[in-house]
């Protein structure tokens, strides 16, 4: 995935967002990739506890097709 891609949460149904930034942590054995996401729509319980932007790992998000 790359900056500008539309994504959805792997954990929360109906939570869609866009990738704003990508960072690869070269100091980790797997060169772990993190994605800075702005959530466009979100699960109500989730957003009451957090901001609408956050860093996510690749398994926490999935590519989203435009319907």
N, C-alpha and C. Protein backbone atom coordinates (compact mmCIF):
# COMPACT_ATOMS: atom_id res chain seq x y z
N UNK A 1 0.84 -1.18 0.00
CA UNK A 1 0.00 0.00 0.00
C UNK A 1 0.88 1.24 0.00
N UNK A 2 0.30 2.34 -0.46
CA UNK A 2 1.08 3.58 -0.58
C UNK A 2 0.23 4.79 -0.18
N UNK A 3 0.87 5.94 -0.09
CA UNK A 3 0.17 7.18 0.25
C UNK A 3 -0.95 7.41 -0.76
N UNK A 4 -2.11 7.77 -0.25
CA UNK A 4 -3.27 8.04 -1.10
C UNK A 4 -4.20 6.86 -1.28
N UNK A 5 -3.76 5.66 -0.90
CA UNK A 5 -4.63 4.49 -1.04
C UNK A 5 -5.79 4.56 -0.05
N UNK A 6 -6.96 4.14 -0.50
CA UNK A 6 -8.11 3.99 0.39
C UNK A 6 -8.00 2.65 1.09
N UNK A 7 -8.30 2.62 2.38
CA UNK A 7 -8.18 1.39 3.15
C UNK A 7 -9.40 1.22 4.05
N UNK A 8 -9.51 0.04 4.63
CA UNK A 8 -10.51 -0.22 5.65
C UNK A 8 -9.82 -0.92 6.81
N UNK A 9 -10.40 -0.82 7.98
CA UNK A 9 -9.86 -1.47 9.16
C UNK A 9 -10.06 -2.98 9.07
N UNK A 10 -9.07 -3.73 9.53
CA UNK A 10 -9.21 -5.18 9.61
C UNK A 10 -10.03 -5.59 10.83
N UNK A 11 -10.17 -4.69 11.79
CA UNK A 11 -10.84 -5.02 13.06
C UNK A 11 -12.24 -4.44 13.19
N UNK A 12 -12.50 -3.29 12.59
CA UNK A 12 -13.77 -2.60 12.81
C UNK A 12 -14.54 -2.48 11.50
N UNK A 13 -15.73 -3.00 11.48
CA UNK A 13 -16.57 -2.95 10.29
C UNK A 13 -17.00 -1.51 10.01
N UNK A 14 -16.96 -1.09 8.76
CA UNK A 14 -17.40 0.24 8.37
C UNK A 14 -16.40 1.34 8.62
N UNK A 15 -15.19 1.00 9.03
CA UNK A 15 -14.18 2.02 9.29
C UNK A 15 -13.27 2.12 8.07
N UNK A 16 -13.38 3.23 7.34
CA UNK A 16 -12.63 3.46 6.11
C UNK A 16 -11.72 4.66 6.28
N UNK A 17 -10.59 4.65 5.58
CA UNK A 17 -9.66 5.76 5.70
C UNK A 17 -8.76 5.88 4.49
N UNK A 18 -7.80 6.79 4.60
CA UNK A 18 -6.82 7.03 3.53
C UNK A 18 -5.44 7.09 4.16
N UNK A 19 -4.45 6.52 3.47
CA UNK A 19 -3.08 6.52 3.97
C UNK A 19 -2.45 7.89 3.68
N UNK A 20 -1.94 8.53 4.73
CA UNK A 20 -1.31 9.85 4.61
C UNK A 20 0.21 9.76 4.53
N UNK A 21 0.79 8.73 5.14
CA UNK A 21 2.24 8.62 5.22
C UNK A 21 2.62 7.16 5.42
N UNK A 22 3.79 6.77 4.91
CA UNK A 22 4.31 5.42 5.08
C UNK A 22 5.70 5.53 5.68
N UNK A 23 6.00 4.68 6.67
CA UNK A 23 7.32 4.68 7.30
C UNK A 23 7.79 3.24 7.45
N UNK A 24 9.02 2.97 7.03
CA UNK A 24 9.61 1.63 7.18
C UNK A 24 10.66 1.71 8.28
N UNK A 25 10.46 0.90 9.32
CA UNK A 25 11.39 0.90 10.44
C UNK A 25 12.56 -0.03 10.12
N UNK A 26 13.67 0.54 9.69
CA UNK A 26 14.82 -0.27 9.27
C UNK A 26 15.57 -0.88 10.44
N UNK A 27 15.27 -0.45 11.65
CA UNK A 27 15.96 -1.00 12.82
C UNK A 27 15.27 -2.26 13.36
N UNK A 28 14.26 -2.76 12.66
CA UNK A 28 13.59 -3.99 13.05
C UNK A 28 14.02 -5.11 12.11
N UNK A 29 14.01 -6.35 12.59
CA UNK A 29 14.48 -7.47 11.74
C UNK A 29 13.70 -7.61 10.43
N UNK A 30 12.42 -7.31 10.44
CA UNK A 30 11.60 -7.48 9.23
C UNK A 30 11.42 -6.19 8.45
N UNK A 31 12.12 -5.11 8.82
CA UNK A 31 11.88 -3.79 8.20
C UNK A 31 10.38 -3.48 8.22
N UNK A 32 9.80 -3.51 9.39
CA UNK A 32 8.35 -3.36 9.57
C UNK A 32 7.83 -2.05 8.98
N UNK A 33 6.73 -2.14 8.23
CA UNK A 33 6.12 -0.97 7.60
C UNK A 33 4.93 -0.50 8.43
N UNK A 34 4.87 0.81 8.66
CA UNK A 34 3.76 1.44 9.38
C UNK A 34 3.08 2.43 8.44
N UNK A 35 1.77 2.58 8.60
CA UNK A 35 0.98 3.47 7.76
C UNK A 35 0.25 4.48 8.64
N UNK A 36 0.41 5.77 8.33
CA UNK A 36 -0.31 6.82 9.06
C UNK A 36 -1.63 7.04 8.35
N UNK A 37 -2.72 6.76 9.03
CA UNK A 37 -4.05 6.72 8.44
C UNK A 37 -4.94 7.82 9.01
N UNK A 38 -5.70 8.46 8.13
CA UNK A 38 -6.77 9.35 8.57
C UNK A 38 -8.07 8.61 8.31
N UNK A 39 -8.85 8.36 9.37
CA UNK A 39 -10.11 7.63 9.24
C UNK A 39 -11.20 8.57 8.77
N UNK A 40 -11.86 8.22 7.66
CA UNK A 40 -12.94 9.02 7.08
C UNK A 40 -14.28 8.68 7.72
N UNK A 41 -14.49 7.41 7.98
CA UNK A 41 -15.68 6.96 8.69
C UNK A 41 -15.20 5.94 9.71
N UNK A 42 -15.85 5.91 10.84
CA UNK A 42 -15.32 5.07 11.89
C UNK A 42 -16.40 4.49 12.78
N UNK A 43 -16.07 3.38 13.38
CA UNK A 43 -16.90 2.75 14.38
C UNK A 43 -17.05 3.72 15.54
N UNK A 44 -18.27 4.01 15.97
CA UNK A 44 -18.53 5.02 17.00
C UNK A 44 -17.80 4.74 18.31
N UNK A 45 -17.78 3.49 18.74
CA UNK A 45 -17.09 3.14 20.00
C UNK A 45 -15.59 3.38 19.89
N UNK A 46 -15.04 3.13 18.72
CA UNK A 46 -13.60 3.28 18.51
C UNK A 46 -13.19 4.75 18.56
N UNK A 47 -13.91 5.62 17.86
CA UNK A 47 -13.52 7.02 17.79
C UNK A 47 -13.76 7.76 19.10
N UNK A 48 -14.61 7.24 19.96
CA UNK A 48 -14.82 7.91 21.25
C UNK A 48 -13.58 7.79 22.14
N UNK A 49 -12.73 6.82 21.84
CA UNK A 49 -11.53 6.59 22.65
C UNK A 49 -10.26 7.14 22.00
N UNK A 50 -10.29 7.42 20.69
CA UNK A 50 -9.07 7.80 19.98
C UNK A 50 -9.31 8.94 19.00
N UNK A 51 -8.20 9.45 18.52
CA UNK A 51 -8.22 10.47 17.47
C UNK A 51 -8.60 9.81 16.14
N UNK A 52 -8.87 10.61 15.12
CA UNK A 52 -9.22 10.07 13.81
C UNK A 52 -7.99 9.78 12.96
N UNK A 53 -6.80 10.00 13.49
CA UNK A 53 -5.56 9.67 12.79
C UNK A 53 -4.70 8.80 13.70
N UNK A 54 -4.03 7.81 13.08
CA UNK A 54 -3.16 6.94 13.88
C UNK A 54 -2.22 6.16 12.97
N UNK A 55 -1.13 5.65 13.55
CA UNK A 55 -0.21 4.77 12.87
C UNK A 55 -0.71 3.35 12.99
N UNK A 56 -0.75 2.61 11.87
CA UNK A 56 -1.23 1.23 11.84
C UNK A 56 -0.18 0.34 11.17
N UNK A 57 -0.15 -0.92 11.58
CA UNK A 57 0.70 -1.91 10.91
C UNK A 57 -0.09 -2.52 9.75
N UNK A 58 0.61 -3.20 8.86
CA UNK A 58 -0.01 -3.70 7.63
C UNK A 58 -1.16 -4.67 7.89
N UNK A 59 -1.11 -5.46 8.94
CA UNK A 59 -2.18 -6.42 9.20
C UNK A 59 -3.40 -5.79 9.85
N UNK A 60 -3.33 -4.51 10.20
CA UNK A 60 -4.46 -3.81 10.82
C UNK A 60 -5.36 -3.13 9.79
N UNK A 61 -4.89 -3.08 8.54
CA UNK A 61 -5.66 -2.41 7.49
C UNK A 61 -5.70 -3.27 6.23
N UNK A 62 -6.72 -3.05 5.40
CA UNK A 62 -6.88 -3.76 4.14
C UNK A 62 -7.19 -2.75 3.04
N UNK A 63 -6.76 -3.08 1.82
CA UNK A 63 -7.07 -2.21 0.68
C UNK A 63 -8.59 -2.13 0.50
N UNK A 64 -9.06 -0.98 0.06
CA UNK A 64 -10.51 -0.75 -0.10
C UNK A 64 -10.77 -0.32 -1.54
N UNK A 65 -11.69 -1.00 -2.21
CA UNK A 65 -12.09 -0.61 -3.56
C UNK A 65 -13.12 0.50 -3.51
N UNK A 66 -13.11 1.36 -4.50
CA UNK A 66 -14.15 2.40 -4.60
C UNK A 66 -15.35 1.75 -5.28
N UNK A 67 -16.52 1.75 -4.60
CA UNK A 67 -17.70 1.09 -5.19
C UNK A 67 -18.22 1.82 -6.42
